[in-house]
Amino acid sequence: MRRTKIVATLGPASQNLVAELVEAGVSVVRVNCSHMTTDQVWEAVRSARAQSETVSILVDIQGPKLRLTDGIDATGSEITIWQQGHGPHPCVGFDPSAVGVKPGERILINDGRIELEAIEVAPHSVRARVIRGGVAEGKRGVNLPDTDVKVEMYSPKDRADIAAAVESGADWIALSFVQRAADVVQARSMVPPDVRLLSKIERPQALDVLDEICSASDVVMAARGDLGVEIPFARLPVTQRTIADSALRAGIVSVCATEMLESMITGSRPTRAEVSDVTNAVRDGFDCVMLSAETAIGHDPIGTVRAMAAILTEADTVDRIKSPFAD
């Protein structure tokens, strides 16, 4: 039995291939609520279970993702951003003052490609200095790495998705943008004891209380997409190992995710850097690795899983990071 397991995200390219994914080496399939209605979440879980009685099913709720509502042109020296419905373009789907943005804090847009610094925060708007300019389309993500974001952790849709996941037979619920152990405790009251809670570590604030979050969780994920935007990218490999180590000390499962075999969305084989990245995740001590767009929209989901399984089989033969429990 291969020690390191594979999580594969379902999507248009793979939603009807669950049995084939399992045969290729997948242990867990992921249903991403961000692009689904609650009814579609229910249907996706039931479909996955009908295709395989043995696969574990992970439902990943959207959580408090902050986004632009329209395009932005931040090529000048300053820009004012408004809450949608309270001013001219560009607009965001939240009130900057209500979520806790303060002068001097950074506002990152489109995976950090645009960097702003808040100058003046008023109700429903923020005036910002352009540090790194650019243009972005609507619906792009907004990250506030310096802000202790004050927003309802579970929206009505999130609560409905959790209920649908439980009713339809999901095994795991993934919680997005966890900042504190209380976020996990709150979700615990919404699920039965046999449903496991996975905390996605995506914010610097979560790293400050990582051990507490691990103690409250069944599984923890190094969600390197948003995390890699909110912390300096050079720090990400060390942080990744810190997350794996904290999970090991807490005695819970750990998952490494995002861009693990990204080139195989369109390519037929992984790059050497990707092979090393997956191998290093195993050496860091992660129990699972996750495929996202590679299996959701990639041109060859089954081939990608086979490539991942081959890398993991080889990686499992090397020495892992020394256990903190070893003498």
Protein backbone atom coordinates (compact mmCIF):
# COMPACT_ATOMS: atom_id res chain seq x y z
CA MET A 1 0.00 0.00 0.00
CA ARG A 2 1.31 3.43 -0.97
CA ARG A 3 1.64 5.55 2.17
CA THR A 4 0.93 8.94 0.59
CA LYS A 5 -2.62 9.23 -0.73
CA ILE A 6 -4.04 11.23 -3.65
CA VAL A 7 -6.96 13.66 -3.54
CA ALA A 8 -8.41 14.46 -6.97
CA THR A 9 -10.76 17.37 -7.70
CA LEU A 10 -13.83 16.55 -9.75
CA GLY A 11 -14.90 18.80 -12.61
CA PRO A 12 -16.08 18.70 -16.21
CA ALA A 13 -13.14 16.50 -17.22
CA SER A 14 -13.57 13.92 -14.47
CA GLN A 15 -17.00 13.98 -12.84
CA ASN A 16 -18.01 10.76 -14.59
CA LEU A 17 -14.63 9.04 -14.16
CA VAL A 18 -14.62 8.39 -10.41
CA ALA A 19 -14.17 4.61 -10.72
CA GLU A 20 -11.33 5.09 -13.20
CA LEU A 21 -9.67 7.68 -10.94
CA VAL A 22 -9.81 5.24 -8.02
CA GLU A 23 -8.33 2.47 -10.14
CA ALA A 24 -5.50 4.83 -11.19
CA GLY A 25 -4.65 5.58 -7.56
CA VAL A 26 -7.06 8.15 -6.07
CA SER A 27 -8.22 7.69 -2.46
CA VAL A 28 -10.31 10.86 -2.08
CA VAL A 29 -12.34 12.91 -4.58
CA ARG A 30 -12.97 16.61 -3.95
CA VAL A 31 -16.16 18.49 -4.77
CA ASN A 32 -15.46 22.23 -5.03
CA CYS A 33 -18.51 24.27 -3.95
CA SER A 34 -17.11 27.55 -5.32
CA HIS A 35 -18.51 26.85 -8.78
CA MET A 36 -21.71 25.01 -7.81
CA THR A 37 -25.17 25.60 -6.47
CA THR A 38 -26.17 23.69 -3.35
CA ASP A 39 -28.30 21.31 -5.44
CA GLN A 40 -25.29 20.61 -7.66
CA VAL A 41 -23.15 19.86 -4.59
CA TRP A 42 -25.71 17.27 -3.45
CA GLU A 43 -25.85 15.73 -6.92
CA ALA A 44 -22.04 15.63 -7.25
CA VAL A 45 -21.61 13.75 -3.96
CA ARG A 46 -24.37 11.26 -4.80
CA SER A 47 -22.92 10.71 -8.27
CA ALA A 48 -19.41 10.11 -6.89
CA ARG A 49 -20.74 7.60 -4.36
CA ALA A 50 -22.75 5.80 -7.04
CA GLN A 51 -19.58 5.41 -9.12
CA SER A 52 -17.45 4.10 -6.23
CA GLU A 53 -18.43 2.66 -2.88
CA THR A 54 -14.87 2.84 -1.54
CA VAL A 55 -13.68 6.35 -2.40
CA SER A 56 -13.75 9.03 0.31
CA ILE A 57 -15.57 12.22 -0.64
CA LEU A 58 -14.37 15.70 0.37
CA VAL A 59 -16.70 18.69 -0.01
CA ASP A 60 -14.77 21.98 -0.09
CA ILE A 61 -17.01 24.90 0.89
CA GLN A 62 -16.34 28.32 -0.59
CA GLY A 63 -15.87 30.29 2.64
CA PRO A 64 -15.38 34.07 2.90
CA LYS A 65 -13.57 34.64 -0.39
CA LEU A 66 -13.20 38.34 -1.18
CA ARG A 67 -13.51 39.33 -4.85
CA LEU A 68 -13.77 42.19 -7.30
CA THR A 69 -17.23 42.55 -8.80
CA ASP A 70 -15.97 44.26 -11.96
CA GLY A 71 -12.71 45.04 -13.69
CA ILE A 72 -10.02 47.30 -12.27
CA ASP A 73 -7.42 49.54 -13.94
CA ALA A 74 -4.75 50.30 -11.33
CA THR A 75 -2.15 51.83 -13.63
CA GLY A 76 -2.13 55.27 -11.96
CA SER A 77 -0.56 56.33 -8.68
CA GLU A 78 -3.75 56.12 -6.59
CA ILE A 79 -7.14 54.45 -6.83
CA THR A 80 -10.37 54.37 -4.84
CA ILE A 81 -12.24 51.09 -4.54
CA TRP A 82 -15.93 51.02 -3.58
CA GLN A 83 -18.26 48.46 -2.15
CA GLN A 84 -20.66 47.42 -4.90
CA GLY A 85 -23.73 49.66 -4.94
CA HIS A 86 -22.10 52.52 -3.03
CA GLY A 87 -19.96 54.26 -5.63
CA PRO A 88 -18.46 54.20 -9.12
CA HIS A 89 -16.17 51.50 -10.48
CA PRO A 90 -14.05 49.67 -9.51
CA CYS A 91 -16.12 47.77 -6.95
CA VAL A 92 -15.68 44.84 -4.61
CA GLY A 93 -18.25 42.56 -3.05
CA PHE A 94 -17.55 43.69 0.52
CA ASP A 95 -17.24 46.84 2.62
CA PRO A 96 -13.48 47.49 3.14
CA SER A 97 -14.10 49.33 6.41
CA ALA A 98 -16.42 46.65 7.78
CA VAL A 99 -13.98 43.81 7.14
CA GLY A 100 -11.26 45.69 9.05
CA VAL A 101 -8.95 47.26 6.46
CA LYS A 102 -6.75 49.94 8.06
CA PRO A 103 -4.40 52.58 6.57
CA GLY A 104 -1.00 51.11 5.78
CA GLU A 105 -2.33 47.60 5.11
CA ARG A 106 -1.84 45.88 1.77
CA ILE A 107 -4.59 45.01 -0.69
CA LEU A 108 -3.57 42.33 -3.19
CA ILE A 109 -5.61 41.66 -6.32
CA ASN A 110 -5.51 38.88 -8.91
CA ASP A 111 -3.16 36.53 -7.03
CA GLY A 112 -0.97 39.45 -5.92
CA ARG A 113 -0.25 40.75 -9.42
CA ILE A 114 -1.68 44.11 -8.32
CA GLU A 115 -0.50 45.47 -4.97
CA LEU A 116 -2.11 48.44 -3.26
CA GLU A 117 -1.59 50.11 0.13
CA ALA A 118 -4.57 51.59 1.94
CA ILE A 119 -4.27 55.34 2.56
CA GLU A 120 -7.74 56.30 3.75
CA VAL A 121 -10.59 53.99 4.76
CA ALA A 122 -14.16 55.28 4.85
CA PRO A 123 -17.54 53.55 5.02
CA HIS A 124 -17.95 51.53 1.82
CA SER A 125 -14.67 52.63 0.25
CA VAL A 126 -10.89 52.66 0.51
CA ARG A 127 -8.42 55.05 -1.15
CA ALA A 128 -5.14 53.31 -1.88
CA ARG A 129 -1.65 53.96 -3.20
CA VAL A 130 -0.62 51.80 -6.15
CA ILE A 131 2.55 49.89 -5.26
CA ARG A 132 2.48 47.45 -8.20
CA GLY A 133 0.01 48.42 -10.88
CA GLY A 134 -1.92 46.47 -13.43
CA VAL A 135 -5.29 45.63 -14.92
CA ALA A 136 -7.59 42.81 -13.81
CA GLU A 137 -10.97 41.51 -14.89
CA GLY A 138 -14.00 41.20 -12.64
CA LYS A 139 -14.43 38.30 -10.18
CA ARG A 140 -10.68 38.20 -9.45
CA GLY A 141 -9.70 37.46 -5.87
CA VAL A 142 -8.78 40.12 -3.31
CA ASN A 143 -6.35 39.22 -0.52
CA LEU A 144 -5.81 41.25 2.67
CA PRO A 145 -2.66 39.70 4.17
CA ASP A 146 -2.20 42.35 6.90
CA THR A 147 -5.86 42.46 7.96
CA ASP A 148 -7.58 40.42 10.63
CA VAL A 149 -10.58 39.98 8.36
CA LYS A 150 -13.89 40.48 10.16
CA VAL A 151 -16.46 38.67 8.07
CA GLU A 152 -19.06 36.00 8.71
CA MET A 153 -17.15 32.74 8.43
CA TYR A 154 -20.05 30.70 7.03
CA SER A 155 -22.44 32.36 4.60
CA PRO A 156 -25.98 31.04 4.08
CA LYS A 157 -24.70 29.20 0.99
CA ASP A 158 -21.85 27.65 2.98
CA ARG A 159 -24.28 26.42 5.63
CA ALA A 160 -26.59 25.01 2.98
CA ASP A 161 -23.65 23.32 1.22
CA ILE A 162 -22.49 21.75 4.50
CA ALA A 163 -25.99 20.42 5.15
CA ALA A 164 -26.23 19.04 1.60
CA ALA A 165 -22.80 17.43 1.92
CA VAL A 166 -23.77 15.69 5.15
CA GLU A 167 -27.15 14.58 3.81
CA SER A 168 -25.66 13.17 0.60
CA GLY A 169 -22.95 11.20 2.39
CA ALA A 170 -19.71 13.22 2.23
CA ASP A 171 -16.88 11.99 4.48
CA TRP A 172 -14.88 15.22 4.83
CA ILE A 173 -15.81 18.93 4.88
CA ALA A 174 -13.04 21.38 3.96
CA LEU A 175 -13.24 24.79 5.65
CA SER A 176 -11.79 27.65 3.60
CA PHE A 177 -9.90 30.65 5.04
CA VAL A 178 -9.80 29.38 8.62
CA GLN A 179 -8.23 32.04 10.85
CA ARG A 180 -8.71 30.60 14.33
CA ALA A 181 -9.69 27.41 16.14
CA ALA A 182 -13.12 28.90 16.90
CA ASP A 183 -13.91 28.74 13.17
CA VAL A 184 -13.48 24.96 13.32
CA VAL A 185 -15.45 24.65 16.54
CA GLN A 186 -18.32 26.55 14.92
CA ALA A 187 -18.37 24.14 11.98
CA ARG A 188 -18.23 21.15 14.32
CA SER A 189 -21.72 22.00 15.55
CA MET A 190 -23.05 21.66 11.99
CA VAL A 191 -21.84 18.12 11.26
CA PRO A 192 -22.23 14.69 12.85
CA PRO A 193 -19.25 13.12 14.67
CA ASP A 194 -18.37 10.80 11.78
CA VAL A 195 -17.79 13.67 9.31
CA ARG A 196 -14.20 14.92 9.43
CA LEU A 197 -13.31 18.60 9.30
CA LEU A 198 -10.38 19.79 7.19
CA SER A 199 -8.94 23.23 7.91
CA LYS A 200 -7.36 24.96 4.93
CA ILE A 201 -4.42 27.13 5.98
CA GLU A 202 -4.54 30.10 3.60
CA ARG A 203 -3.93 33.18 5.79
CA PRO A 204 -0.95 34.44 7.83
CA GLN A 205 -3.26 34.85 10.83
CA ALA A 206 -3.87 31.09 10.83
CA LEU A 207 -0.13 30.43 11.01
CA ASP A 208 0.05 32.38 14.27
CA VAL A 209 -2.35 29.90 15.93
CA LEU A 210 -1.56 26.84 13.85
CA ASP A 211 -1.24 24.40 16.74
CA GLU A 212 -4.63 25.47 18.13
CA ILE A 213 -6.26 25.01 14.71
CA CYS A 214 -4.70 21.56 14.34
CA SER A 215 -5.94 20.56 17.79
CA ALA A 216 -9.51 21.44 16.76
CA SER A 217 -9.32 19.79 13.32
CA ASP A 218 -9.26 16.26 11.92
CA VAL A 219 -7.24 17.25 8.85
CA VAL A 220 -5.18 20.30 7.90
CA MET A 221 -4.23 21.48 4.42
CA ALA A 222 -1.34 23.59 3.21
CA ALA A 223 -3.49 25.46 0.65
CA ARG A 224 -0.59 27.00 -1.22
CA GLY A 225 -2.66 29.09 -3.66
CA ASP A 226 -3.97 31.87 -1.44
CA LEU A 227 -1.29 31.22 1.18
CA GLY A 228 1.39 31.85 -1.42
CA VAL A 229 -0.19 35.22 -2.18
CA GLU A 230 -0.59 36.34 1.42
CA ILE A 231 2.95 35.49 2.56
CA PRO A 232 6.20 36.17 0.68
CA PHE A 233 6.56 33.43 -1.95
CA ALA A 234 10.12 32.65 -0.83
CA ARG A 235 8.76 31.71 2.59
CA LEU A 236 6.21 29.21 1.26
CA PRO A 237 8.37 26.02 1.28
CA VAL A 238 9.39 26.57 4.91
CA THR A 239 5.79 27.36 5.89
CA GLN A 240 4.63 24.23 4.10
CA ARG A 241 6.92 22.13 6.25
CA THR A 242 5.75 23.96 9.39
CA ILE A 243 2.15 22.98 8.60
CA ALA A 244 3.07 19.33 8.09
CA ASP A 245 5.05 19.30 11.33
CA SER A 246 2.22 20.86 13.32
CA ALA A 247 -0.21 18.27 11.96
CA LEU A 248 2.17 15.47 12.92
CA ARG A 249 2.46 16.78 16.48
CA ALA A 250 -1.34 16.98 16.72
CA GLY A 251 -1.74 13.46 15.35
CA ILE A 252 -3.97 14.52 12.44
CA VAL A 253 -3.89 14.01 8.67
CA SER A 254 -2.14 16.62 6.49
CA VAL A 255 -2.67 17.52 2.84
CA CYS A 256 -0.45 19.50 0.46
CA ALA A 257 -2.31 21.26 -2.35
CA THR A 258 -2.11 23.61 -5.35
CA GLU A 259 -0.15 23.45 -8.62
CA MET A 260 1.46 20.11 -7.83
CA LEU A 261 1.29 18.88 -11.45
CA GLU A 262 0.01 22.10 -13.04
CA SER A 263 1.76 21.50 -16.37
CA MET A 264 -0.31 18.36 -16.89
CA ILE A 265 -3.47 20.40 -17.36
CA THR A 266 -2.33 20.53 -20.96
CA GLY A 267 0.88 18.45 -21.02
CA SER A 268 1.48 14.72 -21.13
CA ARG A 269 4.12 14.52 -18.40
CA PRO A 270 5.14 16.54 -15.32
CA THR A 271 8.09 18.90 -15.26
CA ARG A 272 11.16 17.95 -13.25
CA ALA A 273 10.39 20.77 -10.83
CA GLU A 274 6.91 19.33 -10.24
CA VAL A 275 8.33 15.86 -9.59
CA SER A 276 10.68 17.39 -7.01
CA ASP A 277 7.84 19.40 -5.47
CA VAL A 278 5.69 16.29 -4.94
CA THR A 279 8.65 14.34 -3.57
CA ASN A 280 9.50 17.15 -1.16
CA ALA A 281 5.90 17.18 0.09
CA VAL A 282 6.31 13.50 0.96
CA ARG A 283 9.60 14.21 2.71
CA ASP A 284 7.96 17.05 4.63
CA GLY A 285 5.61 14.46 6.09
CA PHE A 286 2.33 15.12 4.29
CA ASP A 287 -0.12 12.21 4.26
CA CYS A 288 -1.92 13.31 1.08
CA VAL A 289 -1.30 15.43 -2.00
CA MET A 290 -4.08 17.07 -3.97
CA LEU A 291 -4.73 17.60 -7.66
CA SER A 292 -6.96 20.56 -8.51
CA ALA A 293 -7.39 21.86 -12.06
CA GLU A 294 -5.20 18.99 -13.25
CA THR A 295 -8.11 16.57 -12.83
CA ALA A 296 -11.04 19.01 -12.84
CA ILE A 297 -10.40 20.52 -16.29
CA GLY A 298 -7.18 18.87 -17.48
CA HIS A 299 -7.00 17.05 -20.79
CA ASP A 300 -6.02 13.69 -19.22
CA PRO A 301 -7.15 13.27 -15.58
CA ILE A 302 -6.40 9.54 -15.48
CA GLY A 303 -2.91 9.97 -16.90
CA THR A 304 -2.23 12.75 -14.39
CA VAL A 305 -3.26 10.54 -11.47
CA ARG A 306 -1.05 7.72 -12.76
CA ALA A 307 1.89 10.13 -12.99
CA MET A 308 1.24 11.34 -9.44
CA ALA A 309 0.98 7.76 -8.17
CA ALA A 310 4.29 6.86 -9.81
CA ILE A 311 6.04 9.83 -8.19
CA LEU A 312 4.57 8.99 -4.77
CA THR A 313 5.51 5.32 -5.01
CA GLU A 314 9.11 6.32 -5.61
CA ALA A 315 9.03 9.11 -3.02
CA ASP A 316 7.72 6.73 -0.35
CA THR A 317 11.01 4.83 -0.55
CA VAL A 318 13.08 7.82 0.63
CA ASP A 319 13.60 8.93 4.20
CA ARG A 320 11.05 11.40 5.43
CA ILE A 321 11.64 14.32 7.75
CA LYS A 322 12.63 13.14 11.23
CA SER A 323 9.64 12.68 13.51
CA PRO A 324 9.44 15.21 16.36
CA PHE A 325 8.69 12.24 18.61
CA ALA A 326 11.98 10.51 17.79
CA ASP A 327 14.76 10.47 20.39
